[in-house]
PDB file of N, CA and C in Angstrom:
ATOM      1  N   MET A   1      82.807  -4.642-181.588  1.00  0.00           N
ATOM      2  CA  MET A   1      81.648  -5.371-181.059  1.00  0.00           C
ATOM      3  C   MET A   1      80.520  -4.368-180.825  1.00  0.00           C
ATOM      4  N   GLU A   2      79.331  -4.730-181.201  1.00  0.00           N
ATOM      5  CA  GLU A   2      78.168  -3.875-180.993  1.00  0.00           C
ATOM      6  C   GLU A   2      77.914  -3.677-179.506  1.00  0.00           C
ATOM      7  N   ASP A   3      77.317  -2.524-179.178  1.00  0.00           N
ATOM      8  CA  ASP A   3      76.985  -2.235-177.788  1.00  0.00           C
ATOM      9  C   ASP A   3      76.045  -3.292-177.199  1.00  0.00           C
ATOM     10  N   LYS A   4      75.069  -3.712-177.994  1.00  0.00           N
ATOM     11  CA  LYS A   4      74.116  -4.711-177.509  1.00  0.00           C
ATOM     12  C   LYS A   4      74.839  -6.010-177.145  1.00  0.00           C
ATOM     13  N   ASN A   5      75.714  -6.481-178.012  1.00  0.00           N
ATOM     14  CA  ASN A   5      76.450  -7.721-177.742  1.00  0.00           C
ATOM     15  C   ASN A   5      77.355  -7.578-176.525  1.00  0.00           C
ATOM     16  N   LEU A   6      77.978  -6.428-176.406  1.00  0.00           N
ATOM     17  CA  LEU A   6      78.840  -6.169-175.259  1.00  0.00           C
ATOM     18  C   LEU A   6      78.038  -6.213-173.959  1.00  0.00           C
ATOM     19  N   MET A   7      76.889  -5.563-173.965  1.00  0.00           N
ATOM     20  CA  MET A   7      76.033  -5.563-172.762  1.00  0.00           C
ATOM     21  C   MET A   7      75.526  -6.973-172.450  1.00  0.00           C
ATOM     22  N   GLU A   8      75.176  -7.736-173.469  1.00  0.00           N
ATOM     23  CA  GLU A   8      74.732  -9.118-173.250  1.00  0.00           C
ATOM     24  C   GLU A   8      75.842  -9.936-172.600  1.00  0.00           C
ATOM     25  N   ASN A   9      77.052  -9.771-173.092  1.00  0.00           N
ATOM     26  CA  ASN A   9      78.190 -10.508-172.534  1.00  0.00           C
ATOM     27  C   ASN A   9      78.459 -10.097-171.088  1.00  0.00           C
ATOM     28  N   ILE A  10      78.402  -8.807-170.826  1.00  0.00           N
ATOM     29  CA  ILE A  10      78.622  -8.332-169.457  1.00  0.00           C
ATOM     30  C   ILE A  10      77.537  -8.864-168.533  1.00  0.00           C
ATOM     31  N   LEU A  11      76.282  -8.846-168.993  1.00  0.00           N
ATOM     32  CA  LEU A  11      75.184  -9.356-168.173  1.00  0.00           C
ATOM     33  C   LEU A  11      75.363 -10.849-167.885  1.00  0.00           C
ATOM     34  N   LEU A  12      75.766 -11.620-168.883  1.00  0.00           N
ATOM     35  CA  LEU A  12      76.001 -13.050-168.666  1.00  0.00           C
ATOM     36  C   LEU A  12      77.125 -13.289-167.660  1.00  0.00           C
ATOM     37  N   LEU A  13      78.181 -12.516-167.770  1.00  0.00           N
ATOM     38  CA  LEU A  13      79.279 -12.638-166.803  1.00  0.00           C
ATOM     39  C   LEU A  13      78.810 -12.270-165.402  1.00  0.00           C
ATOM     40  N   GLU A  14      78.027 -11.219-165.307  1.00  0.00           N
ATOM     41  CA  GLU A  14      77.537 -10.780-164.000  1.00  0.00           C
ATOM     42  C   GLU A  14      76.620 -11.838-163.378  1.00  0.00           C
ATOM     43  N   LYS A  15      75.799 -12.475-164.191  1.00  0.00           N
ATOM     44  CA  LYS A  15      74.950 -13.557-163.683  1.00  0.00           C
ATOM     45  C   LYS A  15      75.803 -14.706-163.153  1.00  0.00           C
ATOM     46  N   GLY A  16      76.895 -15.023-163.849  1.00  0.00           N
ATOM     47  CA  GLY A  16      77.811 -16.068-163.385  1.00  0.00           C
ATOM     48  C   GLY A  16      78.470 -15.696-162.075  1.00  0.00           C
ATOM     49  N   VAL A  17      78.853 -14.433-161.948  1.00  0.00           N
ATOM     50  CA  VAL A  17      79.448 -13.950-160.699  1.00  0.00           C
ATOM     51  C   VAL A  17      78.441 -14.085-159.559  1.00  0.00           C
ATOM     52  N   CYS A  18      77.190 -13.715-159.816  1.00  0.00           N
ATOM     53  CA  CYS A  18      76.145 -13.836-158.789  1.00  0.00           C
ATOM     54  C   CYS A  18      76.004 -15.288-158.335  1.00  0.00           C
ATOM     55  N   ASP A  19      76.048 -16.205-159.280  1.00  0.00           N
ATOM     56  CA  ASP A  19      75.939 -17.625-158.952  1.00  0.00           C
ATOM     57  C   ASP A  19      77.096 -18.068-158.058  1.00  0.00           C
ATOM     58  N   LEU A  20      78.303 -17.649-158.393  1.00  0.00           N
ATOM     59  CA  LEU A  20      79.470 -18.010-157.574  1.00  0.00           C
ATOM     60  C   LEU A  20      79.369 -17.424-156.169  1.00  0.00           C
ATOM     61  N   PHE A  21      78.998 -16.151-156.075  1.00  0.00           N
ATOM     62  CA  PHE A  21      78.870 -15.514-154.762  1.00  0.00           C
ATOM     63  C   PHE A  21      77.747 -16.137-153.938  1.00  0.00           C
ATOM     64  N   MET A  22      76.654 -16.546-154.599  1.00  0.00           N
ATOM     65  CA  MET A  22      75.563 -17.191-153.874  1.00  0.00           C
ATOM     66  C   MET A  22      76.042 -18.503-153.252  1.00  0.00           C
ATOM     67  N   HIS A  23      76.762 -19.311-154.039  1.00  0.00           N
ATOM     68  CA  HIS A  23      77.261 -20.576-153.508  1.00  0.00           C
ATOM     69  C   HIS A  23      78.302 -20.340-152.416  1.00  0.00           C
ATOM     70  N   GLY A  24      79.121 -19.323-152.573  1.00  0.00           N
ATOM     71  CA  GLY A  24      80.077 -18.979-151.524  1.00  0.00           C
ATOM     72  C   GLY A  24      79.374 -18.589-150.242  1.00  0.00           C
ATOM     73  N   THR A  25      78.287 -17.857-150.362  1.00  0.00           N
ATOM     74  CA  THR A  25      77.506 -17.461-149.188  1.00  0.00           C
ATOM     75  C   THR A  25      76.896 -18.684-148.512  1.00  0.00           C
ATOM     76  N   LEU A  26      76.309 -19.550-149.308  1.00  0.00           N
ATOM     77  CA  LEU A  26      75.644 -20.735-148.757  1.00  0.00           C
ATOM     78  C   LEU A  26      76.607 -21.708-148.090  1.00  0.00           C
ATOM     79  N   GLU A  27      77.799 -21.829-148.655  1.00  0.00           N
ATOM     80  CA  GLU A  27      78.725 -22.864-148.203  1.00  0.00           C
ATOM     81  C   GLU A  27      79.857 -22.345-147.314  1.00  0.00           C
ATOM     82  N   SER A  28      79.800 -21.080-146.946  1.00  0.00           N
ATOM     83  CA  SER A  28      80.879 -20.519-146.124  1.00  0.00           C
ATOM     84  C   SER A  28      80.862 -21.146-144.733  1.00  0.00           C
ATOM     85  N   SER A  29      82.055 -21.313-144.192  1.00  0.00           N
ATOM     86  CA  SER A  29      82.182 -22.025-142.919  1.00  0.00           C
ATOM     87  C   SER A  29      82.258 -21.096-141.706  1.00  0.00           C
ATOM     88  N   THR A  30      82.516 -19.813-141.929  1.00  0.00           N
ATOM     89  CA  THR A  30      82.578 -18.875-140.811  1.00  0.00           C
ATOM     90  C   THR A  30      81.715 -17.659-141.112  1.00  0.00           C
ATOM     91  N   GLU A  31      81.365 -16.939-140.073  1.00  0.00           N
ATOM     92  CA  GLU A  31      80.515 -15.757-140.234  1.00  0.00           C
ATOM     93  C   GLU A  31      81.209 -14.678-141.067  1.00  0.00           C
ATOM     94  N   ASN A  32      82.519 -14.499-140.864  1.00  0.00           N
ATOM     95  CA  ASN A  32      83.250 -13.487-141.632  1.00  0.00           C
ATOM     96  C   ASN A  32      83.233 -13.799-143.123  1.00  0.00           C
ATOM     97  N   VAL A  33      83.470 -15.048-143.472  1.00  0.00           N
ATOM     98  CA  VAL A  33      83.464 -15.447-144.872  1.00  0.00           C
ATOM     99  C   VAL A  33      82.052 -15.326-145.438  1.00  0.00           C
ATOM    100  N   HIS A  34      81.072 -15.739-144.653  1.00  0.00           N
ATOM    101  CA  HIS A  34      79.668 -15.630-145.065  1.00  0.00           C
ATOM    102  C   HIS A  34      79.322 -14.177-145.374  1.00  0.00           C
ATOM    103  N   GLN A  35      79.693 -13.261-144.490  1.00  0.00           N
ATOM    104  CA  GLN A  35      79.398 -11.842-144.686  1.00  0.00           C
ATOM    105  C   GLN A  35      80.098 -11.290-145.918  1.00  0.00           C
ATOM    106  N   ALA A  36      81.343 -11.678-146.130  1.00  0.00           N
ATOM    107  CA  ALA A  36      82.090 -11.193-147.295  1.00  0.00           C
ATOM    108  C   ALA A  36      81.408 -11.621-148.594  1.00  0.00           C
ATOM    109  N   PHE A  37      81.037 -12.900-148.668  1.00  0.00           N
ATOM    110  CA  PHE A  37      80.346 -13.379-149.864  1.00  0.00           C
ATOM    111  C   PHE A  37      78.968 -12.742-150.001  1.00  0.00           C
ATOM    112  N   ASN A  38      78.264 -12.600-148.901  1.00  0.00           N
ATOM    113  CA  ASN A  38      76.926 -12.028-148.940  1.00  0.00           C
ATOM    114  C   ASN A  38      76.971 -10.572-149.402  1.00  0.00           C
ATOM    115  N   ASN A  39      77.931  -9.802-148.905  1.00  0.00           N
ATOM    116  CA  ASN A  39      78.072  -8.417-149.343  1.00  0.00           C
ATOM    117  C   ASN A  39      78.414  -8.352-150.830  1.00  0.00           C
ATOM    118  N   ALA A  40      79.319  -9.213-151.263  1.00  0.00           N
ATOM    119  CA  ALA A  40      79.694  -9.247-152.680  1.00  0.00           C
ATOM    120  C   ALA A  40      78.488  -9.648-153.539  1.00  0.00           C
ATOM    121  N   LEU A  41      77.693 -10.594-153.062  1.00  0.00           N
ATOM    122  CA  LEU A  41      76.495 -11.019-153.785  1.00  0.00           C
ATOM    123  C   LEU A  41      75.521  -9.866-153.935  1.00  0.00           C
ATOM    124  N   ASN A  42      75.273  -9.139-152.857  1.00  0.00           N
ATOM    125  CA  ASN A  42      74.341  -8.017-152.925  1.00  0.00           C
ATOM    126  C   ASN A  42      74.813  -6.953-153.904  1.00  0.00           C
ATOM    127  N   GLU A  43      76.097  -6.650-153.902  1.00  0.00           N
ATOM    128  CA  GLU A  43      76.646  -5.678-154.852  1.00  0.00           C
ATOM    129  C   GLU A  43      76.507  -6.179-156.287  1.00  0.00           C
ATOM    130  N   ALA A  44      76.788  -7.450-156.499  1.00  0.00           N
ATOM    131  CA  ALA A  44      76.684  -8.029-157.840  1.00  0.00           C
ATOM    132  C   ALA A  44      75.237  -8.041-158.323  1.00  0.00           C
ATOM    133  N   LEU A  45      74.296  -8.326-157.421  1.00  0.00           N
ATOM    134  CA  LEU A  45      72.884  -8.318-157.797  1.00  0.00           C
ATOM    135  C   LEU A  45      72.428  -6.908-158.177  1.00  0.00           C
ATOM    136  N   CYS A  46      72.912  -5.905-157.466  1.00  0.00           N
ATOM    137  CA  CYS A  46      72.579  -4.518-157.813  1.00  0.00           C
ATOM    138  C   CYS A  46      73.140  -4.159-159.186  1.00  0.00           C
ATOM    139  N   MET A  47      74.356  -4.594-159.457  1.00  0.00           N
ATOM    140  CA  MET A  47      74.957  -4.317-160.762  1.00  0.00           C
ATOM    141  C   MET A  47      74.194  -5.043-161.868  1.00  0.00           C
ATOM    142  N   GLN A  48      73.810  -6.280-161.611  1.00  0.00           N
ATOM    143  CA  GLN A  48      73.044  -7.042-162.593  1.00  0.00           C
ATOM    144  C   GLN A  48      71.720  -6.349-162.868  1.00  0.00           C
ATOM    145  N   ASP A  49      71.068  -5.851-161.835  1.00  0.00           N
ATOM    146  CA  ASP A  49      69.792  -5.162-161.993  1.00  0.00           C
ATOM    147  C   ASP A  49      69.962  -3.881-162.811  1.00  0.00           C
ATOM    148  N   GLU A  50      71.035  -3.167-162.573  1.00  0.00           N
ATOM    149  CA  GLU A  50      71.309  -1.946-163.326  1.00  0.00           C
ATOM    150  C   GLU A  50      71.560  -2.260-164.803  1.00  0.00           C
ATOM    151  N   LEU A  51      72.344  -3.285-165.075  1.00  0.00           N
ATOM    152  CA  LEU A  51      72.587  -3.698-166.460  1.00  0.00           C
ATOM    153  C   LEU A  51      71.291  -4.100-167.149  1.00  0.00           C
ATOM    154  N   TYR A  52      70.494  -4.902-166.457  1.00  0.00           N
ATOM    155  CA  TYR A  52      69.211  -5.343-166.995  1.00  0.00           C
ATOM    156  C   TYR A  52      68.327  -4.132-167.321  1.00  0.00           C
ATOM    157  N   GLY A  53      68.262  -3.188-166.392  1.00  0.00           N
ATOM    158  CA  GLY A  53      67.440  -2.001-166.612  1.00  0.00           C
ATOM    159  C   GLY A  53      67.879  -1.202-167.826  1.00  0.00           C
ATOM    160  N   LYS A  54      69.176  -1.044-168.005  1.00  0.00           N
ATOM    161  CA  LYS A  54      69.687  -0.309-169.162  1.00  0.00           C
ATOM    162  C   LYS A  54      69.371  -1.044-170.453  1.00  0.00           C
ATOM    163  N   MET A  55      69.488  -2.364-170.432  1.00  0.00           N
ATOM    164  CA  MET A  55      69.196  -3.136-171.637  1.00  0.00           C
ATOM    165  C   MET A  55      67.711  -3.080-171.979  1.00  0.00           C
ATOM    166  N   VAL A  56      66.858  -3.150-170.965  1.00  0.00           N
ATOM    167  CA  VAL A  56      65.413  -3.063-171.201  1.00  0.00           C
ATOM    168  C   VAL A  56      65.066  -1.696-171.790  1.00  0.00           C
ATOM    169  N   SER A  57      65.655  -0.634-171.240  1.00  0.00           N
ATOM    170  CA  SER A  57      65.336   0.717-171.718  1.00  0.00           C
ATOM    171  C   SER A  57      65.728   0.920-173.182  1.00  0.00           C
ATOM    172  N   LYS A  58      66.723   0.173-173.656  1.00  0.00           N
ATOM    173  CA  LYS A  58      67.159   0.274-175.051  1.00  0.00           C
ATOM    174  C   LYS A  58      66.450  -0.738-175.948  1.00  0.00           C
ATOM    175  N   GLY A  59      65.605  -1.580-175.347  1.00  0.00           N
ATOM    176  CA  GLY A  59      64.904  -2.596-176.129  1.00  0.00           C
ATOM    177  C   GLY A  59      65.760  -3.804-176.450  1.00  0.00           C
ATOM    178  N   TRP A  60      66.870  -3.972-175.735  1.00  0.00           N
ATOM    179  CA  TRP A  60      67.802  -5.067-175.995  1.00  0.00           C
ATOM    180  C   TRP A  60      67.501  -6.313-175.180  1.00  0.00           C
ATOM    181  N   TYR A  61      66.589  -6.232-174.240  1.00  0.00           N
ATOM    182  CA  TYR A  61      66.250  -7.368-173.389  1.00  0.00           C
ATOM    183  C   TYR A  61      64.737  -7.348-173.238  1.00  0.00           C
ATOM    184  N   THR A  62      64.090  -8.212-173.943  1.00  0.00           N
ATOM    185  CA  THR A  62      62.631  -8.244-173.900  1.00  0.00           C
ATOM    186  C   THR A  62      62.159  -9.516-173.213  1.00  0.00           C
ATOM    187  N   THR A  63      61.046  -9.402-172.578  1.00  0.00           N
ATOM    188  CA  THR A  63      60.434 -10.555-171.917  1.00  0.00           C
ATOM    189  C   THR A  63      58.998 -10.688-172.397  1.00  0.00           C
ATOM    190  N   LYS A  64      58.472 -11.895-172.289  1.00  0.00           N
ATOM    191  CA  LYS A  64      57.084 -12.138-172.647  1.00  0.00           C
ATOM    192  C   LYS A  64      56.293 -12.340-171.366  1.00  0.00           C
ATOM    193  N   GLN A  65      55.073 -11.865-171.372  1.00  0.00           N
ATOM    194  CA  GLN A  65      54.173 -12.086-170.251  1.00  0.00           C
ATOM    195  C   GLN A  65      53.765 -13.553-170.250  1.00  0.00           C
ATOM    196  N   ALA A  66      53.847 -14.191-169.099  1.00  0.00           N
ATOM    197  CA  ALA A  66      53.455 -15.598-168.993  1.00  0.00           C
ATOM    198  C   ALA A  66      51.945 -15.729-169.143  1.00  0.00           C
ATOM    199  N   ASP A  67      51.532 -16.791-169.813  1.00  0.00           N
ATOM    200  CA  ASP A  67      50.120 -17.064-170.018  1.00  0.00           C
ATOM    201  C   ASP A  67      49.495 -17.474-168.680  1.00  0.00           C
ATOM    202  N   GLN A  68      48.472 -16.752-168.252  1.00  0.00           N
ATOM    203  CA  GLN A  68      47.850 -17.006-166.947  1.00  0.00           C
ATOM    204  C   GLN A  68      47.283 -18.417-166.851  1.00  0.00           C
ATOM    205  N   ALA A  69      46.776 -18.953-167.943  1.00  0.00           N
ATOM    206  CA  ALA A  69      46.228 -20.315-167.924  1.00  0.00           C
ATOM    207  C   ALA A  69      47.331 -21.325-167.614  1.00  0.00           C
ATOM    208  N   LYS A  70      48.530 -21.115-168.181  1.00  0.00           N
ATOM    209  CA  LYS A  70      49.650 -22.020-167.900  1.00  0.00           C
ATOM    210  C   LYS A  70      50.096 -21.895-166.441  1.00  0.00           C
ATOM    211  N   ILE A  71      50.122 -20.684-165.932  1.00  0.00           N
ATOM    212  CA  ILE A  71      50.488 -20.468-164.527  1.00  0.00           C
ATOM    213  C   ILE A  71      49.522 -21.199-163.619  1.00  0.00           C
ATOM    214  N   ASN A  72      48.229 -21.035-163.876  1.00  0.00           N
ATOM    215  CA  ASN A  72      47.211 -21.700-163.045  1.00  0.00           C
ATOM    216  C   ASN A  72      47.318 -23.216-163.133  1.00  0.00           C
ATOM    217  N   SER A  73      47.601 -23.718-164.328  1.00  0.00           N
ATOM    218  CA  SER A  73      47.739 -25.157-164.516  1.00  0.00           C
ATOM    219  C   SER A  73      48.925 -25.701-163.712  1.00  0.00           C
ATOM    220  N   LEU A  74      50.056 -24.988-163.765  1.00  0.00           N
ATOM    221  CA  LEU A  74      51.231 -25.418-163.002  1.00  0.00           C
ATOM    222  C   LEU A  74      50.997 -25.337-161.500  1.00  0.00           C
ATOM    223  N   LYS A  75      50.330 -24.304-161.052  1.00  0.00           N
ATOM    224  CA  LYS A  75      50.012 -24.180-159.628  1.00  0.00           C
ATOM    225  C   LYS A  75      49.187 -25.373-159.163  1.00  0.00           C
ATOM    226  N   GLN A  76      48.188 -25.710-159.956  1.00  0.00           N
ATOM    227  CA  GLN A  76      47.324 -26.829-159.599  1.00  0.00           C
ATOM    228  C   GLN A  76      48.114 -28.136-159.603  1.00  0.00           C
ATOM    229  N   GLU A  77      48.931 -28.331-160.609  1.00  0.00           N
ATOM    230  CA  GLU A  77      49.726 -29.553-160.716  1.00  0.00           C
ATOM    231  C   GLU A  77      50.647 -29.719-159.510  1.00  0.00           C
ATOM    232  N   TYR A  78      51.355 -28.648-159.141  1.00  0.00           N
ATOM    233  CA  TYR A  78      52.304 -28.747-158.037  1.00  0.00           C
ATOM    234  C   TYR A  78      51.619 -28.781-156.680  1.00  0.00           C
ATOM    235  N   SER A  79      50.472 -28.159-156.562  1.00  0.00           N
ATOM    236  CA  SER A  79      49.767 -28.250-155.282  1.00  0.00           C
ATOM    237  C   SER A  79      49.253 -29.663-155.044  1.00  0.00           C
ATOM    238  N   LEU A  80      48.868 -30.353-156.132  1.00  0.00           N
ATOM    239  CA  LEU A  80      48.432 -31.753-155.997  1.00  0.00           C
ATOM    240  C   LEU A  80      49.605 -32.659-155.643  1.00  0.00           C
ATOM    241  N   GLN A  81      50.778 -32.375-156.197  1.00  0.00           N
ATOM    242  CA  GLN A  81      51.967 -33.186-155.891  1.00  0.00           C
ATOM    243  C   GLN A  81      52.427 -32.983-154.457  1.00  0.00           C
ATOM    244  N   ALA A  82      52.203 -31.789-153.918  1.00  0.00           N
ATOM    245  CA  ALA A  82      52.654 -31.486-152.559  1.00  0.00           C
ATOM    246  C   ALA A  82      51.779 -32.157-151.503  1.00  0.00           C
ATOM    247  N   GLN A  83      50.616 -32.580-151.895  1.00  0.00           N
ATOM    248  CA  GLN A  83      49.698 -33.181-150.905  1.00  0.00           C
ATOM    249  C   GLN A  83      50.007 -34.599-150.607  1.00  0.00           C
TER     250      GLN A  83
END
């Protein structure tokens, strides 16, 4: 398996782990369980950030700059809905 594909798979798994830990944190019934999930979530988020950074540095994860006109349009649309 290519390094790029391997890193993509690891990043996807890590994102899934973050999602599970986030829900565990939100839905925990005791402070001890909440803290355990929250600590695990923070560690997983740091690992995800590190993976993302390595992929970006190799050119394996690219993002596009959002169009400012679209951002402004959405802001206006949602601010009108909130009123």
